[in-house]
C-alpha atoms as a PDB file:
ATOM      1  CA  MET A   1       0.000   0.000   0.000  1.00  0.00           C
ATOM      2  CA  ALA A   2       2.861   2.387   0.836  1.00  0.00           C
ATOM      3  CA  GLU A   3       4.461   1.678  -2.545  1.00  0.00           C
ATOM      4  CA  ILE A   4       1.297   2.702  -4.383  1.00  0.00           C
ATOM      5  CA  ASP A   5       1.119   5.957  -2.384  1.00  0.00           C
ATOM      6  CA  ASP A   6       4.785   6.733  -3.178  1.00  0.00           C
ATOM      7  CA  THR A   7       4.226   6.056  -6.859  1.00  0.00           C
ATOM      8  CA  THR A   8       1.126   8.248  -6.894  1.00  0.00           C
ATOM      9  CA  GLU A   9       2.976  11.078  -5.144  1.00  0.00           C
ATOM     10  CA  LYS A  10       5.887  10.837  -7.571  1.00  0.00           C
ATOM     11  CA  ALA A  11       3.489  10.911 -10.525  1.00  0.00           C
ATOM     12  CA  LYS A  12       1.777  14.014  -9.118  1.00  0.00           C
ATOM     13  CA  GLU A  13       5.146  15.731  -8.592  1.00  0.00           C
ATOM     14  CA  GLN A  14       6.195  14.911 -12.145  1.00  0.00           C
ATOM     15  CA  ALA A  15       2.905  16.255 -13.481  1.00  0.00           C
ATOM     16  CA  LEU A  16       3.456  19.510 -11.552  1.00  0.00           C
ATOM     17  CA  ASP A  17       7.040  19.722 -12.822  1.00  0.00           C
ATOM     18  CA  ILE A  18       5.849  19.268 -16.402  1.00  0.00           C
ATOM     19  CA  GLN A  19       3.200  21.952 -15.904  1.00  0.00           C
ATOM     20  CA  ARG A  20       5.837  24.376 -14.543  1.00  0.00           C
ATOM     21  CA  ILE A  21       8.124  23.653 -17.493  1.00  0.00           C
ATOM     22  CA  LYS A  22       5.267  24.328 -19.923  1.00  0.00           C
ATOM     23  CA  GLN A  23       4.519  27.640 -18.202  1.00  0.00           C
ATOM     24  CA  ARG A  24       8.170  28.663 -18.360  1.00  0.00           C
ATOM     25  CA  LEU A  25       8.386  27.736 -22.037  1.00  0.00           C
ATOM     26  CA  ASP A  26       5.251  29.757 -22.762  1.00  0.00           C
ATOM     27  CA  THR A  27       6.752  32.737 -20.931  1.00  0.00           C
ATOM     28  CA  LEU A  28      10.031  32.369 -22.827  1.00  0.00           C
ATOM     29  CA  ASP A  29       8.145  32.140 -26.126  1.00  0.00           C
ATOM     30  CA  LEU A  30       6.241  35.332 -25.318  1.00  0.00           C
ATOM     31  CA  ARG A  31       9.443  37.159 -24.395  1.00  0.00           C
ATOM     32  CA  LEU A  32      11.158  36.037 -27.594  1.00  0.00           C
ATOM     33  CA  ASP A  33       8.165  37.252 -29.610  1.00  0.00           C
ATOM     34  CA  ASN A  34       8.399  40.639 -27.882  1.00  0.00           C
ATOM     35  CA  ILE A  35      12.142  40.865 -28.555  1.00  0.00           C
ATOM     36  CA  ASP A  36      11.547  39.945 -32.196  1.00  0.00           C
ATOM     37  CA  SER A  37       8.960  42.714 -32.512  1.00  0.00           C
ATOM     38  CA  MET A  38      11.324  45.288 -31.012  1.00  0.00           C
ATOM     39  CA  VAL A  39      14.248  44.259 -33.211  1.00  0.00           C
ATOM     40  CA  THR A  40      12.024  44.385 -36.294  1.00  0.00           C
ATOM     41  CA  ALA A  41      10.806  47.871 -35.386  1.00  0.00           C
ATOM     42  CA  VAL A  42      14.366  49.111 -34.851  1.00  0.00           C
ATOM     43  CA  ALA A  43      15.542  47.549 -38.115  1.00  0.00           C
ATOM     44  CA  GLU A  44      12.699  49.202 -40.028  1.00  0.00           C
ATOM     45  CA  ARG A  45      13.547  52.552 -38.480  1.00  0.00           C
ATOM     46  CA  VAL A  46      17.244  52.167 -39.274  1.00  0.00           C
ATOM     47  CA  MET A  47      16.463  51.283 -42.864  1.00  0.00           C
ATOM     48  CA  SER A  48      14.467  54.469 -43.334  1.00  0.00           C
ATOM     49  CA  GLN A  49      16.896  57.003 -41.865  1.00  0.00           C
ATOM     50  CA  LEU A  50      20.475  57.687 -40.868  1.00  0.00           C
ATOM     51  CA  VAL A  51      21.533  56.462 -37.426  1.00  0.00           C
ATOM     52  CA  THR A  52      24.685  57.758 -35.772  1.00  0.00           C
ATOM     53  CA  LEU A  53      26.278  56.180 -32.712  1.00  0.00           C
ATOM     54  CA  ASP A  54      28.813  58.188 -30.722  1.00  0.00           C
ATOM     55  CA  ILE A  55      30.808  55.869 -28.450  1.00  0.00           C
ATOM     56  CA  THR A  56      33.497  56.953 -25.992  1.00  0.00           C
ATOM     57  CA  CYS A  57      36.191  54.442 -25.032  1.00  0.00           C
ATOM     58  CA  PRO A  58      36.176  53.929 -21.250  1.00  0.00           C
ATOM     59  CA  HIS A  59      39.949  53.286 -21.245  1.00  0.00           C
ATOM     60  CA  CYS A  60      41.431  56.068 -23.375  1.00  0.00           C
ATOM     61  CA  GLY A  61      38.493  58.482 -23.585  1.00  0.00           C
ATOM     62  CA  LYS A  62      38.670  58.595 -27.383  1.00  0.00           C
ATOM     63  CA  SER A  63      35.371  59.222 -29.120  1.00  0.00           C
ATOM     64  CA  VAL A  64      34.315  57.063 -32.077  1.00  0.00           C
ATOM     65  CA  GLU A  65      31.410  57.974 -34.341  1.00  0.00           C
ATOM     66  CA  ILE A  66      29.657  55.208 -36.265  1.00  0.00           C
ATOM     67  CA  ALA A  67      27.117  56.128 -38.949  1.00  0.00           C
ATOM     68  CA  ILE A  68      24.683  53.538 -40.284  1.00  0.00           C
ATOM     69  CA  VAL A  69      22.915  54.277 -43.533  1.00  0.00           C
ATOM     70  CA  GLY A  70      20.254  52.024 -44.968  1.00  0.00           C
ATOM     71  CA  ASN A  71      18.274  51.880 -48.150  1.00  0.00           C
ATOM     72  CA  GLN A  72      14.711  50.909 -47.646  1.00  0.00           C
ATOM     73  CA  ARG A  73      13.188  48.892 -50.451  1.00  0.00           C
ATOM     74  CA  PRO A  74       9.789  50.009 -51.614  1.00  0.00           C
ATOM     75  CA  ARG A  75       7.036  47.769 -50.348  1.00  0.00           C
ATOM     76  CA  ARG A  76       4.601  46.264 -52.777  1.00  0.00           C
END
């Protein structure tokens, strides 16, 4: 009788673990979708205008300017 109870408890714990894993995967999927949307929006913006990055080296203090120019293809 004790063996059956242990097996039932282990099965319930495994079911809960699987449910938690599914929830975490769903959350990760949602986050990745959000990141994809943000990256797409930034890429579209970069393709339509000039973007300039001004970066200062933390070691020597030298400033570096990086300009990104894109050509946006006309949409059909």
